[in-house]
Amino acid sequence: MDVLALLAILALLLLVVAAVSAPLRRRRVDAVRERDHTDRDELEAQREAKYREIRDAELDHQTGKLSEPDWRVLDRQLRAEAVEILRRLDELED
């Protein structure tokens, strides 16, 4: 066999492998997208819950249920947790 025939066989073999493996590659990409979508939904729910906790703590402070020092500590902690959630959301978008 000459080199041209070998190249033609190799090209044909590569096309067959690409055609057969395409559905497998597509499923893997779809699974990653689905996981990212689920992770994003979960993080968005966590973000909203954290915002609600921050608002509740502010209301508790305004109504006198939390002292100024206690509220400051709690507010700092809740906002740090919210920033971490936002950071994780940003990572998913990249």
Protein backbone atom coordinates (compact mmCIF):
# COMPACT_ATOMS: atom_id res chain seq x y z
CA MET A 1 0.00 0.00 0.00
CA ASP A 2 1.17 3.43 -0.70
CA VAL A 3 1.20 6.37 1.70
CA LEU A 4 -1.86 7.98 0.13
CA ALA A 5 -3.99 4.89 0.75
CA LEU A 6 -2.81 4.72 4.37
CA LEU A 7 -3.68 8.37 4.90
CA ALA A 8 -7.14 7.81 3.39
CA ILE A 9 -7.75 4.84 5.70
CA LEU A 10 -6.53 6.83 8.70
CA ALA A 11 -8.81 9.77 7.79
CA LEU A 12 -11.78 7.43 7.39
CA LEU A 13 -11.00 5.79 10.73
CA LEU A 14 -10.85 9.20 12.45
CA LEU A 15 -14.22 10.16 10.97
CA VAL A 16 -15.80 6.92 12.21
CA VAL A 17 -14.38 7.41 15.72
CA ALA A 18 -15.59 11.03 15.79
CA ALA A 19 -19.09 10.03 14.64
CA VAL A 20 -19.38 7.18 17.14
CA SER A 21 -18.06 9.18 20.08
CA ALA A 22 -20.10 12.36 19.41
CA PRO A 23 -23.15 11.27 21.46
CA LEU A 24 -20.90 10.33 24.36
CA ARG A 25 -19.19 13.71 24.33
CA ARG A 26 -22.52 15.50 24.07
CA ARG A 27 -23.94 13.63 27.09
CA ARG A 28 -20.91 14.59 29.14
CA VAL A 29 -21.28 18.27 28.20
CA ASP A 30 -25.02 18.13 28.96
CA ALA A 31 -24.33 16.57 32.37
CA VAL A 32 -21.83 19.31 33.24
CA ARG A 33 -24.30 22.01 32.17
CA GLU A 34 -27.07 20.41 34.23
CA ARG A 35 -24.81 20.21 37.28
CA ASP A 36 -23.81 23.86 36.87
CA HIS A 37 -27.45 24.87 36.52
CA THR A 38 -28.38 22.95 39.68
CA ASP A 39 -25.43 24.45 41.57
CA ARG A 40 -26.43 27.94 40.42
CA ASP A 41 -30.04 27.45 41.53
CA GLU A 42 -28.87 26.24 44.94
CA LEU A 43 -26.45 29.14 45.37
CA GLU A 44 -29.08 31.67 44.32
CA ALA A 45 -31.45 30.24 46.93
CA GLN A 46 -28.68 30.45 49.53
CA ARG A 47 -28.01 34.06 48.52
CA GLU A 48 -31.66 35.03 48.95
CA ALA A 49 -31.85 33.25 52.31
CA LYS A 50 -28.69 35.05 53.48
CA TYR A 51 -30.11 38.43 52.40
CA ARG A 52 -33.25 37.61 54.36
CA GLU A 53 -31.14 36.77 57.44
CA ILE A 54 -29.34 40.11 57.13
CA ARG A 55 -32.64 41.98 56.90
CA ASP A 56 -34.06 40.04 59.85
CA ALA A 57 -31.00 40.85 61.96
CA GLU A 58 -31.33 44.54 61.06
CA LEU A 59 -34.99 44.48 62.05
CA ASP A 60 -34.17 42.71 65.32
CA HIS A 61 -31.59 45.41 66.06
CA GLN A 62 -34.05 48.21 65.21
CA THR A 63 -36.73 46.72 67.45
CA GLY A 64 -34.33 46.23 70.35
CA LYS A 65 -34.13 42.44 70.21
CA LEU A 66 -30.38 42.64 69.45
CA SER A 67 -27.94 44.94 71.19
CA GLU A 68 -25.60 47.08 69.09
CA PRO A 69 -22.50 44.92 69.78
CA ASP A 70 -24.38 41.66 69.13
CA TRP A 71 -25.89 43.03 65.94
CA ARG A 72 -22.50 44.22 64.65
CA VAL A 73 -20.95 40.77 65.20
CA LEU A 74 -23.90 38.99 63.60
CA ASP A 75 -24.08 41.45 60.70
CA ARG A 76 -20.36 41.07 59.97
CA GLN A 77 -20.67 37.27 59.97
CA LEU A 78 -23.78 37.22 57.77
CA ARG A 79 -22.27 39.63 55.26
CA ALA A 80 -19.07 37.57 55.08
CA GLU A 81 -21.16 34.49 54.33
CA ALA A 82 -23.09 36.42 51.66
CA VAL A 83 -19.84 37.52 50.03
CA GLU A 84 -18.66 33.90 49.91
CA ILE A 85 -21.92 32.85 48.21
CA LEU A 86 -21.54 35.68 45.68
CA ARG A 87 -17.94 34.63 45.01
CA ARG A 88 -19.06 31.07 44.33
CA LEU A 89 -21.78 32.34 41.97
CA ASP A 90 -19.18 34.38 40.09
CA GLU A 91 -16.97 31.29 39.74
CA LEU A 92 -19.85 29.39 38.13
CA GLU A 93 -20.38 32.14 35.57
CA ASP A 94 -16.70 32.08 34.52
